[in-house]
């Protein structure tokens, strides 16, 4: 699986960006993975609320691998994006842990410097 994570304003290739935000930026024209978007991004305990969303949509990871496959089919080398630059302050970190826990798949953060070094 070649899915990564980042944020909308990163320098990641726009054609690879996939929104996992409830409301992506107006300029965003890419694929929207609504099943990975938080139902209430402004919840007081957003981490707990988002984990609850994932558990409701993909109980114990059921159906998650198939959904990620749909995303990859629509957007090869997809980069799941939301707003926060710091992944620790964002729901994408919870999603990454959920995927790892139930699917055993590690999803890494897209980083400009690492991507450039892979090309050379």
N, C-alpha and C. Protein backbone atom coordinates (compact mmCIF):
# COMPACT_ATOMS: atom_id res chain seq x y z
N UNK A 1 0.85 -1.17 0.00
CA UNK A 1 0.00 0.00 0.00
C UNK A 1 0.90 1.23 0.00
N UNK A 2 0.62 2.16 -0.88
CA UNK A 2 1.47 3.34 -1.04
C UNK A 2 0.79 4.61 -0.57
N UNK A 3 -0.09 4.50 0.39
CA UNK A 3 -0.79 5.67 0.93
C UNK A 3 0.09 6.36 1.97
N UNK A 4 0.06 7.69 1.97
CA UNK A 4 0.78 8.49 2.95
C UNK A 4 -0.19 9.52 3.52
N UNK A 5 0.29 10.34 4.45
CA UNK A 5 -0.52 11.43 4.99
C UNK A 5 0.24 12.74 4.88
N UNK A 6 -0.51 13.84 4.93
CA UNK A 6 0.08 15.19 4.93
C UNK A 6 -1.03 16.18 5.25
N UNK A 7 -0.79 17.43 4.91
CA UNK A 7 -1.79 18.48 5.12
C UNK A 7 -1.97 19.24 3.81
N UNK A 8 -3.12 19.90 3.67
CA UNK A 8 -3.48 20.52 2.40
C UNK A 8 -2.43 21.49 1.86
N UNK A 9 -1.84 22.31 2.70
CA UNK A 9 -0.92 23.33 2.20
C UNK A 9 0.53 22.85 2.06
N UNK A 10 0.76 21.55 2.23
CA UNK A 10 2.11 21.01 2.04
C UNK A 10 2.47 21.07 0.56
N UNK A 11 3.72 20.81 0.27
CA UNK A 11 4.17 20.81 -1.13
C UNK A 11 4.02 19.44 -1.77
N UNK A 12 3.26 18.58 -1.14
CA UNK A 12 2.97 17.26 -1.72
C UNK A 12 2.26 17.48 -3.06
N UNK A 13 2.45 16.57 -4.02
CA UNK A 13 1.81 16.72 -5.33
C UNK A 13 0.28 16.80 -5.20
N UNK A 14 -0.30 17.86 -5.75
CA UNK A 14 -1.75 18.07 -5.64
C UNK A 14 -2.56 16.92 -6.23
N UNK A 15 -2.06 16.32 -7.30
CA UNK A 15 -2.82 15.23 -7.95
C UNK A 15 -2.86 13.97 -7.09
N UNK A 16 -2.06 13.92 -6.03
CA UNK A 16 -2.05 12.77 -5.13
C UNK A 16 -2.82 13.04 -3.84
N UNK A 17 -3.20 14.28 -3.62
CA UNK A 17 -3.88 14.63 -2.36
C UNK A 17 -5.32 14.15 -2.37
N UNK A 18 -5.70 13.57 -1.24
CA UNK A 18 -7.05 13.08 -1.00
C UNK A 18 -7.52 13.72 0.30
N UNK A 19 -8.69 14.30 0.30
CA UNK A 19 -9.21 14.96 1.50
C UNK A 19 -9.77 13.95 2.48
N UNK A 20 -9.33 14.08 3.75
CA UNK A 20 -9.96 13.32 4.84
C UNK A 20 -10.54 14.31 5.84
N UNK A 21 -10.86 15.51 5.33
CA UNK A 21 -11.48 16.56 6.15
C UNK A 21 -12.97 16.61 5.83
N UNK A 22 -13.75 16.97 6.81
CA UNK A 22 -15.20 17.09 6.58
C UNK A 22 -15.47 18.18 5.55
N UNK A 23 -14.72 19.28 5.66
CA UNK A 23 -14.85 20.39 4.73
C UNK A 23 -13.48 20.74 4.17
N UNK A 24 -13.13 20.26 2.98
CA UNK A 24 -11.81 20.60 2.42
C UNK A 24 -11.79 22.06 1.99
N UNK A 25 -10.61 22.59 1.71
CA UNK A 25 -10.52 23.98 1.25
C UNK A 25 -11.29 24.16 -0.07
N UNK A 26 -11.75 25.37 -0.30
CA UNK A 26 -12.53 25.65 -1.52
C UNK A 26 -11.75 25.32 -2.79
N UNK A 27 -10.45 25.54 -2.75
CA UNK A 27 -9.63 25.31 -3.94
C UNK A 27 -9.39 23.82 -4.22
N UNK A 28 -9.66 22.96 -3.26
CA UNK A 28 -9.35 21.54 -3.41
C UNK A 28 -10.26 20.88 -4.43
N UNK A 29 -9.66 20.20 -5.39
CA UNK A 29 -10.43 19.56 -6.47
C UNK A 29 -10.26 18.04 -6.48
N UNK A 30 -9.51 17.51 -5.54
CA UNK A 30 -9.20 16.08 -5.52
C UNK A 30 -10.31 15.22 -4.95
N UNK A 31 -9.99 13.96 -4.79
CA UNK A 31 -10.90 12.95 -4.26
C UNK A 31 -11.17 13.22 -2.78
N UNK A 32 -12.40 12.98 -2.37
CA UNK A 32 -12.78 13.16 -0.97
C UNK A 32 -13.13 11.81 -0.36
N UNK A 33 -12.36 11.40 0.63
CA UNK A 33 -12.60 10.14 1.34
C UNK A 33 -13.44 10.44 2.58
N UNK A 34 -14.73 10.59 2.38
CA UNK A 34 -15.62 11.04 3.45
C UNK A 34 -15.71 10.05 4.62
N UNK A 35 -15.50 8.78 4.38
CA UNK A 35 -15.55 7.81 5.49
C UNK A 35 -14.37 7.97 6.44
N UNK A 36 -13.35 8.73 6.03
CA UNK A 36 -12.20 8.97 6.89
C UNK A 36 -12.23 10.37 7.51
N UNK A 37 -13.26 11.13 7.20
CA UNK A 37 -13.41 12.48 7.75
C UNK A 37 -14.11 12.41 9.11
N UNK A 38 -13.71 13.26 10.04
CA UNK A 38 -14.40 13.29 11.34
C UNK A 38 -15.82 13.84 11.18
N UNK A 39 -16.75 13.26 11.91
CA UNK A 39 -18.12 13.75 11.83
C UNK A 39 -18.26 15.09 12.55
N UNK A 40 -17.46 15.32 13.58
CA UNK A 40 -17.51 16.57 14.33
C UNK A 40 -16.08 17.06 14.60
N UNK A 41 -15.46 17.73 13.61
CA UNK A 41 -14.07 18.15 13.79
C UNK A 41 -13.86 19.18 14.89
N UNK A 42 -14.93 19.80 15.35
CA UNK A 42 -14.80 20.81 16.41
C UNK A 42 -15.21 20.28 17.78
N UNK A 43 -15.30 18.96 17.89
CA UNK A 43 -15.67 18.35 19.17
C UNK A 43 -14.66 18.72 20.25
N UNK A 44 -15.13 18.87 21.46
CA UNK A 44 -14.24 19.23 22.57
C UNK A 44 -13.14 18.18 22.74
N UNK A 45 -13.52 16.92 22.77
CA UNK A 45 -12.54 15.83 22.84
C UNK A 45 -12.48 15.20 21.46
N UNK A 46 -11.85 15.90 20.51
CA UNK A 46 -11.85 15.51 19.11
C UNK A 46 -11.19 14.15 18.89
N UNK A 47 -10.18 13.82 19.69
CA UNK A 47 -9.51 12.52 19.52
C UNK A 47 -10.47 11.37 19.81
N UNK A 48 -11.16 11.47 20.92
CA UNK A 48 -12.12 10.44 21.30
C UNK A 48 -13.28 10.38 20.29
N UNK A 49 -13.75 11.54 19.87
CA UNK A 49 -14.86 11.59 18.91
C UNK A 49 -14.48 10.96 17.58
N UNK A 50 -13.26 11.23 17.11
CA UNK A 50 -12.83 10.66 15.83
C UNK A 50 -12.60 9.16 15.94
N UNK A 51 -12.03 8.71 17.02
CA UNK A 51 -11.84 7.28 17.22
C UNK A 51 -13.20 6.57 17.22
N UNK A 52 -14.18 7.20 17.83
CA UNK A 52 -15.55 6.66 17.82
C UNK A 52 -16.08 6.58 16.38
N UNK A 53 -15.83 7.62 15.58
CA UNK A 53 -16.24 7.60 14.17
C UNK A 53 -15.65 6.39 13.46
N UNK A 54 -14.34 6.19 13.63
CA UNK A 54 -13.67 5.07 12.96
C UNK A 54 -14.23 3.73 13.41
N UNK A 55 -14.49 3.60 14.71
CA UNK A 55 -15.03 2.35 15.23
C UNK A 55 -16.44 2.08 14.70
N UNK A 56 -17.21 3.14 14.51
CA UNK A 56 -18.56 2.98 13.97
C UNK A 56 -18.52 2.59 12.49
N UNK A 57 -17.62 3.20 11.74
CA UNK A 57 -17.54 2.97 10.29
C UNK A 57 -16.78 1.70 9.92
N UNK A 58 -15.76 1.38 10.71
CA UNK A 58 -14.89 0.23 10.43
C UNK A 58 -14.66 -0.55 11.73
N UNK A 59 -15.69 -1.23 12.25
CA UNK A 59 -15.52 -1.95 13.52
C UNK A 59 -14.37 -2.94 13.46
N UNK A 60 -13.41 -2.75 14.35
CA UNK A 60 -12.21 -3.59 14.41
C UNK A 60 -11.53 -3.68 13.04
N UNK A 61 -11.62 -2.59 12.28
CA UNK A 61 -10.95 -2.50 10.99
C UNK A 61 -11.70 -3.14 9.82
N UNK A 62 -12.88 -3.72 10.08
CA UNK A 62 -13.62 -4.40 9.01
C UNK A 62 -14.02 -3.41 7.91
N UNK A 63 -13.63 -3.74 6.68
CA UNK A 63 -13.96 -2.90 5.54
C UNK A 63 -12.95 -1.79 5.27
N UNK A 64 -12.04 -1.58 6.20
CA UNK A 64 -11.07 -0.48 6.06
C UNK A 64 -10.07 -0.75 4.93
N UNK A 65 -9.58 -1.95 4.84
CA UNK A 65 -8.62 -2.28 3.78
C UNK A 65 -9.27 -2.09 2.40
N UNK A 66 -10.50 -2.50 2.27
CA UNK A 66 -11.22 -2.34 1.01
C UNK A 66 -11.42 -0.85 0.68
N UNK A 67 -11.74 -0.07 1.70
CA UNK A 67 -11.94 1.37 1.47
C UNK A 67 -10.63 2.04 1.06
N UNK A 68 -9.54 1.68 1.71
CA UNK A 68 -8.24 2.23 1.34
C UNK A 68 -7.89 1.79 -0.09
N UNK A 69 -8.26 0.59 -0.46
CA UNK A 69 -8.05 0.12 -1.83
C UNK A 69 -8.82 0.95 -2.85
N UNK A 70 -10.06 1.35 -2.50
CA UNK A 70 -10.85 2.23 -3.37
C UNK A 70 -10.15 3.57 -3.56
N UNK A 71 -9.60 4.08 -2.47
CA UNK A 71 -8.89 5.36 -2.53
C UNK A 71 -7.69 5.23 -3.46
N UNK A 72 -6.92 4.18 -3.28
CA UNK A 72 -5.73 3.96 -4.12
C UNK A 72 -6.10 3.77 -5.59
N UNK A 73 -7.21 3.11 -5.83
CA UNK A 73 -7.66 2.90 -7.20
C UNK A 73 -8.02 4.23 -7.85
N UNK A 74 -8.66 5.11 -7.08
CA UNK A 74 -9.06 6.42 -7.59
C UNK A 74 -7.89 7.38 -7.68
N UNK A 75 -6.97 7.31 -6.71
CA UNK A 75 -5.83 8.22 -6.63
C UNK A 75 -4.58 7.41 -6.29
N UNK A 76 -3.85 6.94 -7.30
CA UNK A 76 -2.63 6.18 -7.03
C UNK A 76 -1.63 7.00 -6.21
N UNK A 77 -0.94 6.33 -5.30
CA UNK A 77 0.02 6.97 -4.39
C UNK A 77 -0.66 8.10 -3.61
N UNK A 78 -1.85 7.81 -3.12
CA UNK A 78 -2.66 8.81 -2.41
C UNK A 78 -1.96 9.35 -1.18
N UNK A 79 -2.19 10.65 -0.95
CA UNK A 79 -1.70 11.33 0.25
C UNK A 79 -2.93 11.87 0.96
N UNK A 80 -3.28 11.26 2.09
CA UNK A 80 -4.47 11.64 2.84
C UNK A 80 -4.20 12.95 3.56
N UNK A 81 -5.00 13.97 3.26
CA UNK A 81 -4.72 15.32 3.76
C UNK A 81 -5.84 15.90 4.61
N UNK A 82 -5.40 16.68 5.57
CA UNK A 82 -6.30 17.50 6.38
C UNK A 82 -5.60 18.85 6.59
N UNK A 83 -6.05 19.63 7.55
CA UNK A 83 -5.56 21.01 7.68
C UNK A 83 -4.30 21.19 8.52
N UNK A 84 -4.16 20.43 9.57
CA UNK A 84 -3.10 20.68 10.54
C UNK A 84 -1.72 20.27 10.05
N UNK A 85 -0.77 21.17 10.14
CA UNK A 85 0.60 20.86 9.75
C UNK A 85 1.21 19.82 10.69
N UNK A 86 0.99 20.02 11.99
CA UNK A 86 1.52 19.10 13.00
C UNK A 86 0.59 17.90 13.11
N UNK A 87 1.06 16.75 12.66
CA UNK A 87 0.19 15.56 12.66
C UNK A 87 -0.25 15.14 14.05
N UNK A 88 0.49 15.55 15.08
CA UNK A 88 0.11 15.20 16.45
C UNK A 88 -1.13 15.96 16.90
N UNK A 89 -1.43 17.06 16.21
CA UNK A 89 -2.59 17.88 16.54
C UNK A 89 -3.77 17.59 15.61
N UNK A 90 -3.70 16.47 14.93
CA UNK A 90 -4.64 16.22 13.85
C UNK A 90 -5.20 14.81 13.89
N UNK A 91 -6.39 14.65 13.33
CA UNK A 91 -7.03 13.34 13.32
C UNK A 91 -6.29 12.34 12.44
N UNK A 92 -5.44 12.79 11.53
CA UNK A 92 -4.73 11.82 10.69
C UNK A 92 -3.80 10.92 11.51
N UNK A 93 -3.31 11.43 12.64
CA UNK A 93 -2.46 10.59 13.51
C UNK A 93 -3.28 9.46 14.12
N UNK A 94 -4.51 9.72 14.45
CA UNK A 94 -5.40 8.70 15.00
C UNK A 94 -5.74 7.67 13.93
N UNK A 95 -5.97 8.14 12.72
CA UNK A 95 -6.25 7.24 11.60
C UNK A 95 -5.07 6.31 11.34
N UNK A 96 -3.86 6.86 11.34
CA UNK A 96 -2.65 6.06 11.11
C UNK A 96 -2.53 4.96 12.17
N UNK A 97 -2.78 5.29 13.42
CA UNK A 97 -2.72 4.29 14.49
C UNK A 97 -3.81 3.24 14.35
N UNK A 98 -4.98 3.67 13.94
CA UNK A 98 -6.10 2.74 13.75
C UNK A 98 -5.77 1.74 12.64
N UNK A 99 -5.22 2.23 11.55
CA UNK A 99 -4.83 1.37 10.43
C UNK A 99 -3.75 0.39 10.88
N UNK A 100 -2.79 0.88 11.61
CA UNK A 100 -1.70 0.02 12.07
C UNK A 100 -2.24 -1.06 13.02
N UNK A 101 -3.11 -0.65 13.93
CA UNK A 101 -3.64 -1.58 14.92
C UNK A 101 -4.45 -2.70 14.29
N UNK A 102 -5.33 -2.36 13.35
CA UNK A 102 -6.23 -3.37 12.80
C UNK A 102 -5.75 -4.01 11.51
N UNK A 103 -4.92 -3.32 10.75
CA UNK A 103 -4.47 -3.88 9.48
C UNK A 103 -2.98 -4.24 9.47
N UNK A 104 -2.25 -3.75 10.49
CA UNK A 104 -0.83 -4.01 10.54
C UNK A 104 -0.04 -3.27 9.47
N UNK A 105 -0.63 -2.24 8.91
CA UNK A 105 0.01 -1.46 7.84
C UNK A 105 0.49 -0.14 8.41
N UNK A 106 1.74 0.21 8.13
CA UNK A 106 2.29 1.49 8.56
C UNK A 106 2.07 2.52 7.46
N UNK A 107 1.49 3.63 7.83
CA UNK A 107 1.27 4.76 6.92
C UNK A 107 2.19 5.87 7.39
N UNK A 108 3.01 6.38 6.49
CA UNK A 108 3.99 7.40 6.86
C UNK A 108 3.56 8.78 6.38
N UNK A 109 4.12 9.78 7.02
CA UNK A 109 3.88 11.19 6.67
C UNK A 109 4.73 11.54 5.45
N UNK A 110 4.12 12.20 4.47
CA UNK A 110 4.85 12.68 3.30
C UNK A 110 5.76 13.81 3.76
N UNK A 111 7.01 13.74 3.35
CA UNK A 111 7.97 14.79 3.70
C UNK A 111 8.73 15.17 2.45
N UNK A 112 8.76 16.45 2.16
CA UNK A 112 9.39 16.94 0.94
C UNK A 112 10.86 16.50 0.82
N UNK A 113 11.64 16.64 1.86
CA UNK A 113 13.05 16.28 1.80
C UNK A 113 13.27 14.80 1.55
N UNK A 114 12.46 13.96 2.17
CA UNK A 114 12.59 12.51 1.96
C UNK A 114 12.20 12.14 0.55
N UNK A 115 11.17 12.78 0.01
CA UNK A 115 10.72 12.45 -1.34
C UNK A 115 11.78 12.84 -2.35
N UNK A 116 12.42 13.98 -2.16
CA UNK A 116 13.46 14.41 -3.09
C UNK A 116 14.65 13.44 -3.06
N UNK A 117 15.00 12.93 -1.87
CA UNK A 117 16.14 12.04 -1.78
C UNK A 117 15.84 10.67 -2.40
N UNK A 118 14.59 10.28 -2.43
CA UNK A 118 14.21 9.00 -3.05
C UNK A 118 14.33 9.05 -4.57
N UNK A 119 14.15 10.23 -5.12
CA UNK A 119 14.20 10.39 -6.57
C UNK A 119 15.62 10.32 -7.09
N UNK A 120 16.57 10.86 -6.34
CA UNK A 120 17.97 10.92 -6.78
C UNK A 120 18.64 9.57 -6.76
